[in-house]
Amino acid sequence: MNDCIFCKIAARRIPSQNVYEDESAAAFKDLNPQAPVHILIVPKKHISGLDACRREDAALLGHLQLVAAKLAAENGIAGGYRLLTNNGRGAGQSVDHLHYHLLGGRPLAWPPG
């Protein structure tokens, strides 16, 4: 999608603090971190949110979670981290591109908000 900021970041048309990239995913540090480690993980394929995923996206969704586990280990938070996605404005989704927040490096309370 031409005007999607996460598509532009994943395509490296907008600078970011990239921490991971492969053929189907990109990850970069959040500009407004909510924890010492706060990384956004996005598919390179534009998907507006979790509700827009289809059966053919199942492998991509699993891949994003494996990327999250890899990044958690690389960032020293494998012993306790949160991986979350917001779906829709009512849940706090502010960018219409599926993305996961990898949060860690401090105690994370429950319930989350």
N, C-alpha and C. Protein backbone atom coordinates (compact mmCIF):
# COMPACT_ATOMS: atom_id res chain seq x y z
N MET A 1 0.85 -1.17 0.00
CA MET A 1 0.00 0.00 0.00
C MET A 1 0.90 1.23 0.00
N ASN A 2 0.62 2.18 -0.85
CA ASN A 2 1.50 3.33 -1.07
C ASN A 2 1.63 4.27 0.11
N ASP A 3 0.58 4.48 0.89
CA ASP A 3 0.63 5.46 1.96
C ASP A 3 0.80 4.85 3.35
N CYS A 4 1.06 3.58 3.44
CA CYS A 4 1.20 2.90 4.73
C CYS A 4 2.62 3.10 5.28
N ILE A 5 2.71 3.70 6.44
CA ILE A 5 4.03 3.98 7.02
C ILE A 5 4.82 2.70 7.30
N PHE A 6 4.15 1.63 7.74
CA PHE A 6 4.87 0.39 8.02
C PHE A 6 5.34 -0.28 6.73
N CYS A 7 4.57 -0.16 5.66
CA CYS A 7 5.04 -0.67 4.36
C CYS A 7 6.29 0.10 3.92
N LYS A 8 6.28 1.41 4.12
CA LYS A 8 7.43 2.23 3.75
C LYS A 8 8.66 1.89 4.59
N ILE A 9 8.46 1.66 5.89
CA ILE A 9 9.58 1.28 6.76
C ILE A 9 10.12 -0.08 6.35
N ALA A 10 9.23 -1.05 6.11
CA ALA A 10 9.66 -2.39 5.72
C ALA A 10 10.41 -2.38 4.39
N ALA A 11 10.03 -1.46 3.51
CA ALA A 11 10.71 -1.33 2.21
C ALA A 11 11.95 -0.43 2.29
N ARG A 12 12.26 0.06 3.49
CA ARG A 12 13.41 0.93 3.74
C ARG A 12 13.32 2.26 3.01
N ARG A 13 12.09 2.72 2.79
CA ARG A 13 11.89 4.05 2.19
C ARG A 13 11.80 5.13 3.27
N ILE A 14 11.61 4.71 4.51
CA ILE A 14 11.63 5.61 5.67
C ILE A 14 12.65 5.03 6.65
N PRO A 15 13.55 5.87 7.15
CA PRO A 15 14.54 5.36 8.10
C PRO A 15 13.90 4.89 9.41
N SER A 16 14.48 3.87 9.97
CA SER A 16 14.06 3.36 11.27
C SER A 16 15.24 2.64 11.90
N GLN A 17 15.08 2.28 13.16
CA GLN A 17 16.12 1.51 13.84
C GLN A 17 15.81 0.03 13.62
N ASN A 18 16.17 -0.46 12.44
CA ASN A 18 15.89 -1.85 12.07
C ASN A 18 16.71 -2.80 12.92
N VAL A 19 16.05 -3.88 13.35
CA VAL A 19 16.76 -4.90 14.14
C VAL A 19 16.66 -6.28 13.48
N TYR A 20 15.80 -6.40 12.45
CA TYR A 20 15.64 -7.69 11.79
C TYR A 20 14.96 -7.47 10.44
N GLU A 21 15.38 -8.29 9.47
CA GLU A 21 14.70 -8.29 8.17
C GLU A 21 14.94 -9.61 7.48
N ASP A 22 13.91 -10.14 6.83
CA ASP A 22 14.03 -11.27 5.94
C ASP A 22 13.06 -11.02 4.78
N GLU A 23 12.83 -12.04 3.97
CA GLU A 23 12.00 -11.85 2.78
C GLU A 23 10.53 -11.53 3.10
N SER A 24 10.06 -11.88 4.29
CA SER A 24 8.63 -11.68 4.58
C SER A 24 8.34 -10.83 5.80
N ALA A 25 9.36 -10.42 6.55
CA ALA A 25 9.12 -9.67 7.78
C ALA A 25 10.21 -8.63 8.02
N ALA A 26 9.85 -7.62 8.79
CA ALA A 26 10.82 -6.61 9.23
C ALA A 26 10.51 -6.29 10.69
N ALA A 27 11.53 -5.88 11.42
CA ALA A 27 11.35 -5.50 12.81
C ALA A 27 12.21 -4.28 13.09
N PHE A 28 11.66 -3.39 13.90
CA PHE A 28 12.36 -2.14 14.20
C PHE A 28 11.93 -1.64 15.57
N LYS A 29 12.76 -0.82 16.17
CA LYS A 29 12.47 -0.29 17.49
C LYS A 29 11.31 0.71 17.42
N ASP A 30 10.43 0.64 18.42
CA ASP A 30 9.30 1.55 18.50
C ASP A 30 9.80 2.96 18.82
N LEU A 31 9.22 3.97 18.17
CA LEU A 31 9.62 5.35 18.42
C LEU A 31 9.18 5.86 19.79
N ASN A 32 8.17 5.22 20.38
CA ASN A 32 7.64 5.61 21.68
C ASN A 32 7.65 4.38 22.58
N PRO A 33 8.82 3.92 23.00
CA PRO A 33 8.91 2.65 23.72
C PRO A 33 8.17 2.66 25.06
N GLN A 34 7.48 1.55 25.31
CA GLN A 34 6.74 1.37 26.55
C GLN A 34 7.45 0.41 27.50
N ALA A 35 8.62 -0.03 27.12
CA ALA A 35 9.44 -0.93 27.93
C ALA A 35 10.88 -0.77 27.44
N PRO A 36 11.85 -1.21 28.24
CA PRO A 36 13.25 -1.12 27.79
C PRO A 36 13.49 -1.78 26.43
N VAL A 37 12.80 -2.89 26.18
CA VAL A 37 12.81 -3.50 24.84
C VAL A 37 11.40 -3.35 24.29
N HIS A 38 11.26 -2.63 23.20
CA HIS A 38 9.97 -2.47 22.54
C HIS A 38 10.23 -2.45 21.04
N ILE A 39 9.97 -3.59 20.43
CA ILE A 39 10.23 -3.80 19.01
C ILE A 39 8.92 -4.07 18.29
N LEU A 40 8.74 -3.45 17.14
CA LEU A 40 7.58 -3.72 16.29
C LEU A 40 8.00 -4.72 15.22
N ILE A 41 7.17 -5.74 15.04
CA ILE A 41 7.42 -6.79 14.05
C ILE A 41 6.28 -6.74 13.05
N VAL A 42 6.60 -6.55 11.77
CA VAL A 42 5.58 -6.38 10.74
C VAL A 42 5.81 -7.34 9.58
N PRO A 43 4.72 -7.79 8.97
CA PRO A 43 4.90 -8.53 7.71
C PRO A 43 5.18 -7.52 6.60
N LYS A 44 5.97 -7.91 5.62
CA LYS A 44 6.19 -7.03 4.47
C LYS A 44 4.94 -6.96 3.59
N LYS A 45 4.15 -8.00 3.61
CA LYS A 45 2.87 -7.99 2.90
C LYS A 45 1.93 -7.07 3.66
N HIS A 46 1.27 -6.17 2.96
CA HIS A 46 0.33 -5.30 3.65
C HIS A 46 -0.93 -6.08 4.03
N ILE A 47 -1.17 -6.15 5.33
CA ILE A 47 -2.38 -6.72 5.89
C ILE A 47 -2.86 -5.70 6.91
N SER A 48 -4.08 -5.22 6.79
CA SER A 48 -4.53 -4.11 7.63
C SER A 48 -4.61 -4.45 9.11
N GLY A 49 -4.89 -5.69 9.44
CA GLY A 49 -4.98 -6.11 10.84
C GLY A 49 -5.27 -7.59 10.91
N LEU A 50 -5.38 -8.09 12.12
CA LEU A 50 -5.59 -9.52 12.29
C LEU A 50 -6.89 -9.99 11.64
N ASP A 51 -7.93 -9.17 11.69
CA ASP A 51 -9.20 -9.54 11.06
C ASP A 51 -9.10 -9.70 9.55
N ALA A 52 -8.11 -9.09 8.95
CA ALA A 52 -7.94 -9.17 7.49
C ALA A 52 -7.12 -10.39 7.06
N CYS A 53 -6.58 -11.14 8.01
CA CYS A 53 -5.78 -12.32 7.67
C CYS A 53 -6.67 -13.42 7.10
N ARG A 54 -6.11 -14.17 6.20
CA ARG A 54 -6.80 -15.29 5.56
C ARG A 54 -6.02 -16.57 5.83
N ARG A 55 -6.64 -17.69 5.48
CA ARG A 55 -6.00 -18.99 5.69
C ARG A 55 -4.61 -19.03 5.06
N GLU A 56 -4.44 -18.42 3.91
CA GLU A 56 -3.13 -18.44 3.25
C GLU A 56 -2.07 -17.62 4.00
N ASP A 57 -2.48 -16.85 5.00
CA ASP A 57 -1.53 -16.08 5.81
C ASP A 57 -1.05 -16.84 7.04
N ALA A 58 -1.53 -18.05 7.26
CA ALA A 58 -1.21 -18.80 8.47
C ALA A 58 0.30 -18.99 8.65
N ALA A 59 1.01 -19.35 7.61
CA ALA A 59 2.46 -19.55 7.73
C ALA A 59 3.16 -18.23 8.05
N LEU A 60 2.71 -17.15 7.46
CA LEU A 60 3.29 -15.83 7.74
C LEU A 60 3.06 -15.45 9.20
N LEU A 61 1.87 -15.70 9.72
CA LEU A 61 1.59 -15.38 11.13
C LEU A 61 2.49 -16.19 12.05
N GLY A 62 2.67 -17.45 11.76
CA GLY A 62 3.57 -18.28 12.56
C GLY A 62 5.01 -17.78 12.46
N HIS A 63 5.41 -17.37 11.28
CA HIS A 63 6.76 -16.86 11.08
C HIS A 63 7.00 -15.61 11.93
N LEU A 64 6.01 -14.72 11.99
CA LEU A 64 6.15 -13.50 12.79
C LEU A 64 6.38 -13.84 14.25
N GLN A 65 5.71 -14.88 14.74
CA GLN A 65 5.89 -15.27 16.13
C GLN A 65 7.27 -15.89 16.36
N LEU A 66 7.76 -16.64 15.39
CA LEU A 66 9.12 -17.19 15.50
C LEU A 66 10.17 -16.07 15.48
N VAL A 67 9.93 -15.05 14.67
CA VAL A 67 10.81 -13.88 14.66
C VAL A 67 10.80 -13.22 16.03
N ALA A 68 9.63 -13.10 16.63
CA ALA A 68 9.53 -12.50 17.97
C ALA A 68 10.35 -13.28 18.98
N ALA A 69 10.26 -14.60 18.96
CA ALA A 69 11.02 -15.43 19.90
C ALA A 69 12.53 -15.26 19.68
N LYS A 70 12.93 -15.19 18.43
CA LYS A 70 14.35 -14.98 18.10
C LYS A 70 14.83 -13.63 18.63
N LEU A 71 14.03 -12.59 18.41
CA LEU A 71 14.41 -11.26 18.87
C LEU A 71 14.41 -11.17 20.39
N ALA A 72 13.47 -11.86 21.04
CA ALA A 72 13.46 -11.89 22.51
C ALA A 72 14.77 -12.48 23.03
N ALA A 73 15.20 -13.58 22.43
CA ALA A 73 16.46 -14.20 22.85
C ALA A 73 17.64 -13.26 22.59
N GLU A 74 17.68 -12.66 21.43
CA GLU A 74 18.79 -11.76 21.08
C GLU A 74 18.85 -10.53 21.96
N ASN A 75 17.70 -10.12 22.51
CA ASN A 75 17.63 -8.92 23.34
C ASN A 75 17.61 -9.22 24.84
N GLY A 76 17.87 -10.47 25.20
CA GLY A 76 18.00 -10.84 26.59
C GLY A 76 16.72 -10.86 27.40
N ILE A 77 15.57 -11.03 26.73
CA ILE A 77 14.30 -11.03 27.46
C ILE A 77 13.54 -12.34 27.32
N ALA A 78 14.22 -13.38 26.86
CA ALA A 78 13.55 -14.66 26.62
C ALA A 78 12.90 -15.23 27.88
N GLY A 79 13.36 -14.82 29.06
CA GLY A 79 12.78 -15.31 30.31
C GLY A 79 11.46 -14.68 30.68
N GLY A 80 11.06 -13.64 29.97
CA GLY A 80 9.78 -12.98 30.25
C GLY A 80 9.56 -11.80 29.33
N TYR A 81 8.62 -11.96 28.43
CA TYR A 81 8.29 -10.88 27.50
C TYR A 81 6.83 -10.99 27.11
N ARG A 82 6.32 -9.96 26.48
CA ARG A 82 4.94 -9.95 26.00
C ARG A 82 4.97 -9.68 24.50
N LEU A 83 4.16 -10.44 23.78
CA LEU A 83 3.96 -10.24 22.35
C LEU A 83 2.49 -9.95 22.16
N LEU A 84 2.18 -8.78 21.62
CA LEU A 84 0.76 -8.43 21.48
C LEU A 84 0.49 -7.71 20.18
N THR A 85 -0.75 -7.80 19.76
CA THR A 85 -1.22 -7.03 18.62
C THR A 85 -2.56 -6.42 18.99
N ASN A 86 -2.76 -5.21 18.55
CA ASN A 86 -4.04 -4.53 18.72
C ASN A 86 -4.80 -4.65 17.41
N ASN A 87 -6.08 -4.95 17.49
CA ASN A 87 -6.88 -5.08 16.27
C ASN A 87 -8.05 -4.11 16.34
N GLY A 88 -8.00 -3.07 15.54
CA GLY A 88 -9.08 -2.09 15.49
C GLY A 88 -8.82 -0.91 16.42
N ARG A 89 -9.46 0.18 16.12
CA ARG A 89 -9.29 1.42 16.89
C ARG A 89 -9.68 1.23 18.35
N GLY A 90 -10.72 0.46 18.63
CA GLY A 90 -11.17 0.24 19.99
C GLY A 90 -10.15 -0.46 20.85
N ALA A 91 -9.20 -1.15 20.23
CA ALA A 91 -8.14 -1.85 20.96
C ALA A 91 -6.83 -1.06 20.96
N GLY A 92 -6.84 0.09 20.30
CA GLY A 92 -5.64 0.92 20.28
C GLY A 92 -4.79 0.80 19.03
N GLN A 93 -5.28 0.13 17.99
CA GLN A 93 -4.50 0.03 16.75
C GLN A 93 -4.49 1.40 16.09
N SER A 94 -3.29 1.96 15.93
CA SER A 94 -3.18 3.30 15.35
C SER A 94 -2.63 3.30 13.93
N VAL A 95 -2.04 2.19 13.50
CA VAL A 95 -1.54 2.05 12.13
C VAL A 95 -2.25 0.85 11.52
N ASP A 96 -2.90 1.06 10.38
CA ASP A 96 -3.65 -0.01 9.73
C ASP A 96 -2.73 -0.94 8.94
N HIS A 97 -1.84 -1.58 9.66
CA HIS A 97 -0.94 -2.60 9.12
C HIS A 97 -0.68 -3.54 10.28
N LEU A 98 -0.96 -4.82 10.09
CA LEU A 98 -0.74 -5.80 11.14
C LEU A 98 0.67 -5.64 11.71
N HIS A 99 0.76 -5.57 13.02
CA HIS A 99 2.07 -5.51 13.66
C HIS A 99 1.97 -6.05 15.07
N TYR A 100 3.08 -6.62 15.50
CA TYR A 100 3.20 -7.16 16.85
C TYR A 100 4.16 -6.29 17.64
N HIS A 101 3.82 -6.05 18.89
CA HIS A 101 4.70 -5.36 19.82
C HIS A 101 5.41 -6.42 20.65
N LEU A 102 6.72 -6.41 20.64
CA LEU A 102 7.52 -7.27 21.52
C LEU A 102 8.01 -6.37 22.64
N LEU A 103 7.56 -6.66 23.86
CA LEU A 103 7.86 -5.83 25.02
C LEU A 103 8.55 -6.66 26.09
N GLY A 104 9.55 -6.09 26.71
CA GLY A 104 10.24 -6.79 27.80
C GLY A 104 11.29 -5.91 28.43
N GLY A 105 11.97 -6.48 29.41
CA GLY A 105 13.02 -5.76 30.09
C GLY A 105 12.57 -5.08 31.37
N ARG A 106 11.31 -5.27 31.74
CA ARG A 106 10.77 -4.78 33.00
C ARG A 106 9.59 -5.67 33.36
N PRO A 107 9.16 -5.66 34.62
CA PRO A 107 7.96 -6.44 34.98
C PRO A 107 6.74 -5.92 34.20
N LEU A 108 5.96 -6.84 33.67
CA LEU A 108 4.77 -6.49 32.89
C LEU A 108 3.54 -6.91 33.68
N ALA A 109 2.74 -5.96 34.08
CA ALA A 109 1.57 -6.23 34.91
C ALA A 109 0.46 -6.90 34.12
N TRP A 110 -0.42 -7.55 34.85
CA TRP A 110 -1.61 -8.17 34.24
C TRP A 110 -2.81 -7.83 35.09
N PRO A 111 -3.95 -7.43 34.54
CA PRO A 111 -4.20 -7.29 33.11
C PRO A 111 -3.48 -6.07 32.53
N PRO A 112 -3.26 -6.08 31.22
CA PRO A 112 -2.42 -5.07 30.59
C PRO A 112 -3.08 -3.72 30.34
N GLY A 113 -4.27 -3.48 30.68
CA GLY A 113 -4.78 -2.14 30.41
C GLY A 113 -6.18 -2.03 30.40
